[in-house]
Amino acid sequence: MAADSVVMKGSLPIERPRPPSSLRGFTLVEILVAMAVMLIVIFVLFQVIASMTNIWHNSTGTISNFQASRSAFTVINRELSRATLKTYLDYINDPTKNNIPFGQFRTSLNAAQQQSFVPYEFARASELHFVSGPATQIIPSGTKAANNPGDAVFFQAPLGMVGGVNASSDKYLQRTLNDVGFYIQYSDLASTAFPDWLSTSFAGSPHYCYRLVECVEPTESLSVYGYTSTGSYSPVTWIPPASVATFPVAGTTYNESVLAEDVILLLFRPRLEAEDEQVVAPKVGVTYNSATQNSIISPNYVYDSRAWQTGYSFTASNVKTTSYAVYMRNQLPPIVDVAMVCVDPNSLVRLQISSQTTPPAVLQPTSGLFVNSANMDADLATFGQQLAASHIHYRIFRSSVQIQAAAWSNE
């Protein structure tokens, strides 16, 4: 028997009862093992809590950073849906439709010209203008794709925005027309985001970044009415130059505002419903299939309601491109697919773009992307992979805007 369990009384051993197991203490080894396990559990809990805290802070920051972009995207959709051309029928001397411009509208001529005018047919007429396409082709002075990436769109909409000395008395004119435009500009903060009296404080301290710009021209200063006759002219006669984004600009009637920062790409794809695309496709010399779907009237993202007059993006001697211009003449696209790519500014800190006059290549779409509008979705996915590979957090906003005033005709 064990020594601690018996006692000797005389020559006979007497067994001592064992204490209950519940009254036995822990050994030193057991205590050390328990402490080690507890420390491991506490360490793991701290790691989990720290990780969850970082995720919460990052998610909160990302939501906050993208909030301005989300609001800006809503503004674009709302105002674009209100685009109008206010078309009417007018006589035109347009017998061939083989050259640009396609003749002349009678009401655009002076009295002497109207005396010799020979009407050929009725056609849709309008003094207003809807134009979208690569920003570097539309915005004057927008010579660098990196400085004006993606597309721009300019149109008229009844926003009822007035300015000048009569602004207070005109504030109830809620449906008056305004010239409206959206585009992206990569430039110095000191020259684009603040008034002159404040921007001087940034002298010598450049801070470059992407900005989504909206420009609105007050009702009483509509530049689009400055050109209503036919002939060869730039499609951007009434559109302000890129430098107008400086606040304020002497001599300009446009009100510029930065809707959001860190928006690196903006796309506009005018298109028709599938049924109309099938009708129009053979008339413009295109085979309608999955490779051309959604791009029949804007295969290269370009749409110009005055293409019949300006020849914008077309060659006048090309019958096919002239056919495109016929169908766009003074017509609004029924649908405009809008896409916007914005990035988390926290992801850009390590790129140090604030001191770079041209942004890093990783923020610019690689060659071949966003050329064919039929590949819009696939190109957006590729561009997203490009950003993700560089560990840049991004978000893509997509919508299909119905133009309320569009009355598309396939004739």
Protein backbone atom coordinates (compact mmCIF):
# COMPACT_ATOMS: atom_id res chain seq x y z
CA MET A 1 0.00 0.00 0.00
CA ALA A 2 1.08 3.57 -0.47
CA ALA A 3 2.87 5.21 2.40
CA ASP A 4 0.36 8.04 2.72
CA SER A 5 -2.62 5.76 2.90
CA VAL A 6 -1.73 3.55 5.93
CA VAL A 7 -0.50 3.96 9.49
CA MET A 8 1.15 1.31 11.66
CA LYS A 9 -0.49 0.39 14.94
CA GLY A 10 1.44 -2.31 16.68
CA SER A 11 2.23 -4.93 14.10
CA LEU A 12 -0.94 -4.39 12.01
CA PRO A 13 -1.30 -1.71 9.37
CA ILE A 14 -4.41 0.47 9.58
CA GLU A 15 -5.65 2.04 6.28
CA ARG A 16 -6.24 5.86 6.31
CA PRO A 17 -9.19 6.99 4.12
CA ARG A 18 -8.33 9.14 1.04
CA PRO A 19 -9.71 12.74 0.95
CA PRO A 20 -12.44 13.44 -1.62
CA SER A 21 -11.07 14.40 -5.10
CA SER A 22 -12.91 17.75 -4.93
CA LEU A 23 -10.72 18.79 -2.01
CA ARG A 24 -7.45 18.09 -3.80
CA GLY A 25 -5.43 21.18 -5.04
CA PHE A 26 -3.86 21.90 -8.45
CA THR A 27 -0.29 21.05 -9.06
CA LEU A 28 2.14 23.73 -10.19
CA VAL A 29 2.36 22.16 -13.64
CA GLU A 30 -1.41 22.28 -14.07
CA ILE A 31 -1.52 25.95 -13.07
CA LEU A 32 1.24 26.86 -15.53
CA VAL A 33 -0.49 25.01 -18.37
CA ALA A 34 -3.80 26.74 -17.62
CA MET A 35 -2.12 30.15 -17.59
CA ALA A 36 -0.44 29.43 -20.91
CA VAL A 37 -3.75 28.40 -22.49
CA MET A 38 -5.44 31.52 -21.10
CA LEU A 39 -2.71 33.79 -22.51
CA ILE A 40 -3.08 32.17 -25.93
CA VAL A 41 -6.85 32.67 -25.87
CA ILE A 42 -6.47 36.33 -24.82
CA PHE A 43 -3.89 36.91 -27.56
CA VAL A 44 -6.18 35.40 -30.18
CA LEU A 45 -9.13 37.49 -28.94
CA PHE A 46 -7.06 40.66 -29.13
CA GLN A 47 -6.04 39.79 -32.70
CA VAL A 48 -9.65 39.19 -33.71
CA ILE A 49 -10.84 42.41 -32.06
CA ALA A 50 -8.04 44.43 -33.70
CA SER A 51 -8.83 42.91 -37.09
CA MET A 52 -12.54 43.63 -36.73
CA THR A 53 -11.79 47.20 -35.62
CA ASN A 54 -9.60 47.77 -38.69
CA ILE A 55 -12.27 46.34 -40.96
CA TRP A 56 -14.91 48.57 -39.36
CA HIS A 57 -12.74 51.69 -39.68
CA ASN A 58 -11.83 50.87 -43.29
CA SER A 59 -15.43 50.12 -44.21
CA THR A 60 -16.64 53.31 -42.54
CA GLY A 61 -13.94 55.34 -44.29
CA THR A 62 -14.67 53.73 -47.64
CA ILE A 63 -18.40 54.39 -47.33
CA SER A 64 -17.68 58.00 -46.37
CA ASN A 65 -15.20 58.45 -49.23
CA PHE A 66 -17.60 57.04 -51.81
CA GLN A 67 -20.59 58.99 -50.48
CA ALA A 68 -19.72 62.12 -52.51
CA SER A 69 -19.27 59.99 -55.64
CA ARG A 70 -22.63 58.32 -55.07
CA SER A 71 -24.32 61.72 -54.69
CA ALA A 72 -22.58 63.04 -57.81
CA PHE A 73 -23.70 60.00 -59.78
CA THR A 74 -27.27 60.70 -58.72
CA VAL A 75 -26.97 64.29 -59.97
CA ILE A 76 -25.69 63.11 -63.36
CA ASN A 77 -28.52 60.63 -63.76
CA ARG A 78 -31.20 63.09 -62.71
CA GLU A 79 -30.09 65.97 -64.91
CA LEU A 80 -29.20 63.81 -67.91
CA SER A 81 -32.69 62.31 -67.86
CA ARG A 82 -34.10 65.83 -68.35
CA ALA A 83 -32.13 66.59 -71.53
CA THR A 84 -34.22 68.13 -74.30
CA LEU A 85 -33.92 69.32 -77.90
CA LYS A 86 -37.41 70.84 -78.34
CA THR A 87 -37.54 69.67 -81.96
CA TYR A 88 -39.98 70.88 -84.58
CA LEU A 89 -40.48 70.36 -88.32
CA ASP A 90 -38.99 72.74 -90.85
CA TYR A 91 -38.37 72.83 -94.58
CA ILE A 92 -34.89 71.81 -95.70
CA ASN A 93 -33.16 71.80 -99.10
CA ASP A 94 -31.55 68.40 -98.64
CA PRO A 95 -31.95 66.27 -101.79
CA THR A 96 -28.96 63.90 -101.53
CA LYS A 97 -27.89 63.33 -97.89
CA ASN A 98 -24.44 62.42 -99.23
CA ASN A 99 -22.54 65.38 -97.85
CA ILE A 100 -22.21 67.22 -94.58
CA PRO A 101 -23.91 69.56 -93.98
CA PHE A 102 -27.15 68.11 -95.34
CA GLY A 103 -28.50 71.33 -96.79
CA GLN A 104 -30.07 74.20 -94.86
CA PHE A 105 -33.18 74.76 -92.77
CA ARG A 106 -35.36 77.60 -93.98
CA THR A 107 -35.70 79.32 -90.61
CA SER A 108 -31.92 79.48 -90.21
CA LEU A 109 -31.51 81.71 -93.29
CA ASN A 110 -31.73 85.45 -93.59
CA ALA A 111 -34.44 87.16 -95.64
CA ALA A 112 -32.38 87.29 -98.86
CA GLN A 113 -31.45 83.61 -98.64
CA GLN A 114 -35.04 82.60 -97.98
CA GLN A 115 -36.10 84.23 -101.28
CA SER A 116 -34.04 81.72 -103.26
CA PHE A 117 -34.68 78.78 -100.95
CA VAL A 118 -36.04 75.64 -102.66
CA PRO A 119 -37.67 73.30 -100.10
CA TYR A 120 -37.08 69.62 -100.57
CA GLU A 121 -38.66 67.98 -97.52
CA PHE A 122 -39.67 68.41 -93.92
CA ALA A 123 -37.07 67.42 -91.35
CA ARG A 124 -36.51 67.57 -87.62
CA ALA A 125 -35.07 70.94 -86.63
CA SER A 126 -33.71 72.28 -83.36
CA GLU A 127 -31.47 75.05 -82.13
CA LEU A 128 -30.42 72.90 -79.17
CA HIS A 129 -27.63 70.35 -79.08
CA PHE A 130 -26.79 67.01 -77.42
CA VAL A 131 -23.20 65.83 -77.76
CA SER A 132 -21.18 63.17 -75.94
CA GLY A 133 -17.92 61.41 -76.56
CA PRO A 134 -14.23 61.44 -75.54
CA ALA A 135 -13.61 64.53 -73.43
CA THR A 136 -10.38 65.33 -75.23
CA GLN A 137 -12.35 65.77 -78.48
CA ILE A 138 -15.19 67.81 -77.00
CA ILE A 139 -13.64 70.12 -74.41
CA PRO A 140 -11.48 72.91 -75.85
CA SER A 141 -7.93 72.80 -74.51
CA GLY A 142 -8.48 69.23 -73.38
CA THR A 143 -5.41 67.93 -75.17
CA LYS A 144 -4.23 65.27 -72.72
CA ALA A 145 -6.23 62.11 -72.16
CA ALA A 146 -4.75 61.87 -68.67
CA ASN A 147 -6.03 65.35 -67.80
CA ASN A 148 -9.55 64.78 -69.21
CA PRO A 149 -10.06 61.00 -69.06
CA GLY A 150 -13.14 59.21 -70.33
CA ASP A 151 -16.15 60.94 -71.83
CA ALA A 152 -17.89 64.27 -71.54
CA VAL A 153 -21.52 65.13 -72.20
CA PHE A 154 -23.14 68.52 -72.91
CA PHE A 155 -26.82 69.23 -73.42
CA GLN A 156 -29.70 71.54 -72.54
CA ALA A 157 -32.15 70.78 -69.73
CA PRO A 158 -34.97 72.73 -68.02
CA LEU A 159 -33.20 73.11 -64.68
CA GLY A 160 -34.46 76.65 -64.08
CA MET A 161 -31.08 77.97 -62.91
CA VAL A 162 -30.72 81.74 -63.32
CA GLY A 163 -28.05 84.21 -62.32
CA GLY A 164 -27.02 87.83 -62.57
CA VAL A 165 -28.83 90.92 -61.33
CA ASN A 166 -32.28 89.43 -61.96
CA ALA A 167 -31.61 86.19 -60.14
CA SER A 168 -33.88 87.00 -57.22
CA SER A 169 -36.82 88.03 -59.40
CA ASP A 170 -36.34 85.09 -61.76
CA LYS A 171 -36.07 82.43 -59.06
CA TYR A 172 -39.60 81.16 -59.76
CA LEU A 173 -38.82 80.30 -63.40
CA GLN A 174 -38.39 76.64 -62.59
CA ARG A 175 -38.40 75.19 -66.11
CA THR A 176 -36.15 77.57 -68.03
CA LEU A 177 -33.35 76.01 -70.07
CA ASN A 178 -29.72 75.72 -69.05
CA ASP A 179 -26.60 74.51 -70.81
CA VAL A 180 -25.28 71.58 -68.76
CA GLY A 181 -22.09 69.56 -68.96
CA PHE A 182 -20.22 66.85 -67.05
CA TYR A 183 -16.60 65.79 -67.41
CA ILE A 184 -13.52 64.81 -65.39
CA GLN A 185 -10.53 67.02 -64.90
CA TYR A 186 -7.15 66.11 -63.45
CA SER A 187 -5.55 69.34 -62.26
CA ASP A 188 -4.14 71.31 -59.38
CA LEU A 189 -6.43 71.89 -56.41
CA ALA A 190 -5.36 75.53 -56.13
CA SER A 191 -6.64 76.32 -59.62
CA THR A 192 -9.90 74.39 -59.66
CA ALA A 193 -11.55 73.96 -56.32
CA PHE A 194 -11.36 77.31 -54.55
CA PRO A 195 -12.12 80.95 -55.32
CA ASP A 196 -9.19 83.17 -56.25
CA TRP A 197 -8.93 84.81 -52.83
CA LEU A 198 -8.43 81.40 -51.22
CA SER A 199 -6.49 79.58 -53.95
CA THR A 200 -3.56 82.02 -53.52
CA SER A 201 -2.81 80.32 -50.21
CA PHE A 202 -1.89 77.16 -52.16
CA ALA A 203 0.71 78.93 -54.28
CA GLY A 204 3.86 76.84 -54.42
CA SER A 205 2.11 73.82 -52.92
CA PRO A 206 0.51 71.89 -55.80
CA HIS A 207 -2.08 69.28 -55.01
CA TYR A 208 -3.19 67.33 -58.07
CA CYS A 209 -6.18 65.03 -58.08
CA TYR A 210 -9.17 63.91 -60.16
CA ARG A 211 -12.38 65.94 -59.98
CA LEU A 212 -15.81 65.37 -61.46
CA VAL A 213 -16.91 68.77 -62.78
CA GLU A 214 -20.39 70.02 -63.58
CA CYS A 215 -20.83 73.24 -65.51
CA VAL A 216 -24.17 74.99 -65.81
CA GLU A 217 -24.82 78.13 -67.82
CA PRO A 218 -27.64 80.34 -66.48
CA THR A 219 -30.81 80.70 -68.53
CA GLU A 220 -30.24 84.32 -69.50
CA SER A 221 -26.79 83.51 -70.98
CA LEU A 222 -27.39 80.41 -73.11
CA SER A 223 -24.44 80.18 -75.51
CA VAL A 224 -26.05 77.45 -77.59
CA TYR A 225 -28.29 80.04 -79.27
CA GLY A 226 -25.22 81.89 -80.50
CA TYR A 227 -24.97 79.43 -83.37
CA THR A 228 -28.11 78.23 -85.11
CA SER A 229 -27.23 78.40 -88.80
CA THR A 230 -25.76 75.65 -90.96
CA GLY A 231 -22.22 75.28 -92.16
CA SER A 232 -18.94 73.91 -90.90
CA TYR A 233 -18.19 74.67 -87.27
CA SER A 234 -16.76 72.96 -84.23
CA PRO A 235 -19.32 70.95 -82.27
CA VAL A 236 -18.09 72.66 -79.12
CA THR A 237 -18.73 76.30 -80.05
CA TRP A 238 -20.99 76.83 -77.05
CA ILE A 239 -19.03 74.58 -74.67
CA PRO A 240 -16.59 76.22 -72.23
CA PRO A 241 -12.88 75.36 -72.31
CA ALA A 242 -11.37 73.11 -69.68
CA SER A 243 -9.74 76.12 -68.02
CA VAL A 244 -13.19 77.45 -67.11
CA ALA A 245 -13.14 75.18 -64.06
CA THR A 246 -11.09 77.88 -62.32
CA PHE A 247 -13.21 79.71 -59.73
CA PRO A 248 -14.25 82.36 -60.65
CA VAL A 249 -13.45 83.11 -64.28
CA ALA A 250 -13.78 86.64 -65.58
CA GLY A 251 -15.94 86.93 -68.67
CA THR A 252 -17.52 83.47 -68.50
CA THR A 253 -21.17 82.83 -67.82
CA TYR A 254 -20.73 79.22 -66.74
CA ASN A 255 -21.11 78.23 -63.11
CA GLU A 256 -18.59 75.49 -62.40
CA SER A 257 -18.69 73.13 -59.44
CA VAL A 258 -16.75 70.06 -58.34
CA LEU A 259 -19.26 67.31 -57.55
CA ALA A 260 -16.74 64.76 -56.29
CA GLU A 261 -13.05 64.00 -56.16
CA ASP A 262 -11.15 60.80 -56.98
CA VAL A 263 -13.46 59.95 -59.90
CA ILE A 264 -11.01 58.63 -62.46
CA LEU A 265 -13.29 57.61 -65.33
CA LEU A 266 -16.66 58.67 -66.72
CA LEU A 267 -18.40 56.96 -69.66
CA PHE A 268 -21.57 57.74 -71.62
CA ARG A 269 -22.96 55.23 -74.13
CA PRO A 270 -26.06 56.45 -76.01
CA ARG A 271 -28.07 53.54 -77.39
CA LEU A 272 -31.43 52.36 -78.65
CA GLU A 273 -33.78 49.65 -77.51
CA ALA A 274 -32.94 46.27 -79.02
CA GLU A 275 -35.89 46.41 -81.42
CA ASP A 276 -34.83 49.78 -82.83
CA GLU A 277 -31.20 48.69 -83.10
CA GLN A 278 -32.22 45.81 -85.32
CA VAL A 279 -34.05 48.23 -87.62
CA VAL A 280 -31.32 50.88 -87.76
CA ALA A 281 -28.32 48.53 -88.04
CA PRO A 282 -28.71 47.58 -91.73
CA LYS A 283 -29.48 51.21 -92.63
CA VAL A 284 -26.08 52.32 -91.35
CA GLY A 285 -24.27 49.30 -92.80
CA VAL A 286 -23.81 47.31 -89.58
CA THR A 287 -24.59 43.67 -88.89
CA TYR A 288 -26.63 43.40 -85.71
CA ASN A 289 -25.32 40.66 -83.41
CA SER A 290 -23.88 40.19 -79.93
CA ALA A 291 -20.68 41.96 -80.99
CA THR A 292 -22.51 45.15 -82.02
CA GLN A 293 -25.45 45.13 -79.61
CA ASN A 294 -25.93 48.35 -77.62
CA SER A 295 -23.52 50.25 -79.87
CA ILE A 296 -25.40 50.79 -83.13
CA ILE A 297 -25.77 54.59 -82.87
CA SER A 298 -22.54 55.22 -80.92
CA PRO A 299 -19.97 52.55 -81.82
CA ASN A 300 -17.12 54.69 -80.45
CA TYR A 301 -19.08 56.36 -77.62
CA VAL A 302 -19.70 59.41 -79.84
CA TYR A 303 -23.15 60.90 -80.26
CA ASP A 304 -23.87 64.29 -81.83
CA SER A 305 -27.37 65.51 -82.62
CA ARG A 306 -25.78 68.00 -85.03
CA ALA A 307 -23.48 65.52 -86.75
CA TRP A 308 -25.46 66.13 -89.94
CA GLN A 309 -24.22 69.68 -89.71
CA THR A 310 -20.83 69.48 -87.99
CA GLY A 311 -19.41 66.22 -89.25
CA TYR A 312 -18.12 65.56 -85.73
CA SER A 313 -16.21 62.27 -85.68
CA PHE A 314 -17.33 61.50 -89.23
CA THR A 315 -15.85 61.74 -92.70
CA ALA A 316 -18.16 63.64 -95.01
CA SER A 317 -17.23 61.50 -98.04
CA ASN A 318 -18.09 58.26 -96.24
CA VAL A 319 -21.67 57.23 -97.03
CA LYS A 320 -21.86 54.97 -93.99
CA THR A 321 -20.94 57.73 -91.54
CA THR A 322 -23.30 60.09 -93.31
CA SER A 323 -26.03 57.54 -92.66
CA TYR A 324 -25.22 57.67 -88.97
CA ALA A 325 -25.60 61.44 -89.04
CA VAL A 326 -29.01 61.15 -90.73
CA TYR A 327 -30.45 59.12 -87.86
CA MET A 328 -28.91 61.28 -85.13
CA ARG A 329 -30.08 64.52 -86.74
CA ASN A 330 -31.77 66.57 -84.00
CA GLN A 331 -32.69 63.42 -82.07
CA LEU A 332 -32.03 62.53 -78.47
CA PRO A 333 -30.83 59.01 -77.72
CA PRO A 334 -33.61 57.16 -75.86
CA ILE A 335 -31.15 55.56 -73.42
CA VAL A 336 -27.73 56.57 -72.14
CA ASP A 337 -25.69 53.99 -70.25
CA VAL A 338 -23.58 55.81 -67.65
CA ALA A 339 -20.55 54.35 -65.89
CA MET A 340 -18.32 56.02 -63.31
CA VAL A 341 -15.19 54.62 -61.68
CA CYS A 342 -14.04 56.14 -58.40
CA VAL A 343 -11.20 55.13 -56.09
CA ASP A 344 -10.66 55.24 -52.35
CA PRO A 345 -8.29 58.17 -51.61
CA ASN A 346 -6.61 56.09 -48.91
CA SER A 347 -5.41 53.78 -51.67
CA LEU A 348 -3.82 56.71 -53.48
CA VAL A 349 -1.66 57.91 -50.61
CA ARG A 350 1.21 55.60 -51.48
CA LEU A 351 1.02 56.64 -55.15
CA GLN A 352 1.75 60.25 -54.15
CA ILE A 353 -0.23 61.67 -57.06
CA SER A 354 -0.70 65.07 -55.42
CA SER A 355 2.64 66.29 -56.75
CA GLN A 356 2.37 64.67 -60.20
CA THR A 357 1.11 66.71 -63.13
CA THR A 358 0.18 63.42 -64.81
CA PRO A 359 -1.35 60.57 -62.79
CA PRO A 360 0.31 57.14 -62.56
CA ALA A 361 -0.27 54.77 -65.44
CA VAL A 362 -2.19 52.39 -63.19
CA LEU A 363 -4.98 54.97 -62.91
CA GLN A 364 -5.28 55.27 -66.68
CA PRO A 365 -7.00 52.63 -68.84
CA THR A 366 -4.55 50.66 -70.91
CA SER A 367 -4.48 51.09 -74.67
CA GLY A 368 -7.45 49.53 -76.42
CA LEU A 369 -9.92 49.91 -73.57
CA PHE A 370 -13.09 51.99 -73.96
CA VAL A 371 -12.74 52.39 -77.72
CA ASN A 372 -15.55 50.08 -78.85
CA SER A 373 -18.72 50.86 -76.90
CA ALA A 374 -20.02 47.32 -77.47
CA ASN A 375 -17.27 46.15 -75.09
CA MET A 376 -18.16 48.62 -72.35
CA ASP A 377 -18.92 46.06 -69.62
CA ALA A 378 -15.96 43.84 -70.47
CA ASP A 379 -13.61 46.84 -70.54
CA LEU A 380 -14.89 48.01 -67.15
CA ALA A 381 -14.15 44.57 -65.72
CA THR A 382 -10.64 44.63 -67.20
CA PHE A 383 -9.98 48.09 -65.83
CA GLY A 384 -11.20 46.95 -62.42
CA GLN A 385 -8.76 44.04 -62.49
CA GLN A 386 -6.01 46.50 -63.39
CA LEU A 387 -6.79 48.61 -60.33
CA ALA A 388 -7.17 45.60 -58.04
CA ALA A 389 -3.80 44.23 -59.14
CA SER A 390 -2.24 47.44 -57.84
CA HIS A 391 -4.14 47.12 -54.54
CA ILE A 392 -6.35 50.13 -55.24
CA HIS A 393 -9.82 50.03 -53.73
CA TYR A 394 -12.37 51.16 -56.29
CA ARG A 395 -16.07 51.21 -56.99
CA ILE A 396 -17.95 51.21 -60.30
CA PHE A 397 -21.31 52.94 -60.54
CA ARG A 398 -23.52 51.85 -63.45
CA SER A 399 -26.95 52.96 -64.65
CA SER A 400 -29.11 53.20 -67.76
CA VAL A 401 -30.74 56.61 -67.96
CA GLN A 402 -34.02 57.00 -69.82
CA ILE A 403 -34.16 60.38 -71.60
CA GLN A 404 -37.66 61.61 -70.82
CA ALA A 405 -37.92 63.96 -73.82
CA ALA A 406 -36.58 61.46 -76.38
CA ALA A 407 -38.93 60.61 -79.21
CA TRP A 408 -36.73 58.42 -81.37
CA SER A 409 -37.68 57.87 -84.97
CA ASN A 410 -36.13 55.30 -87.31
CA GLU A 411 -37.12 57.37 -90.34
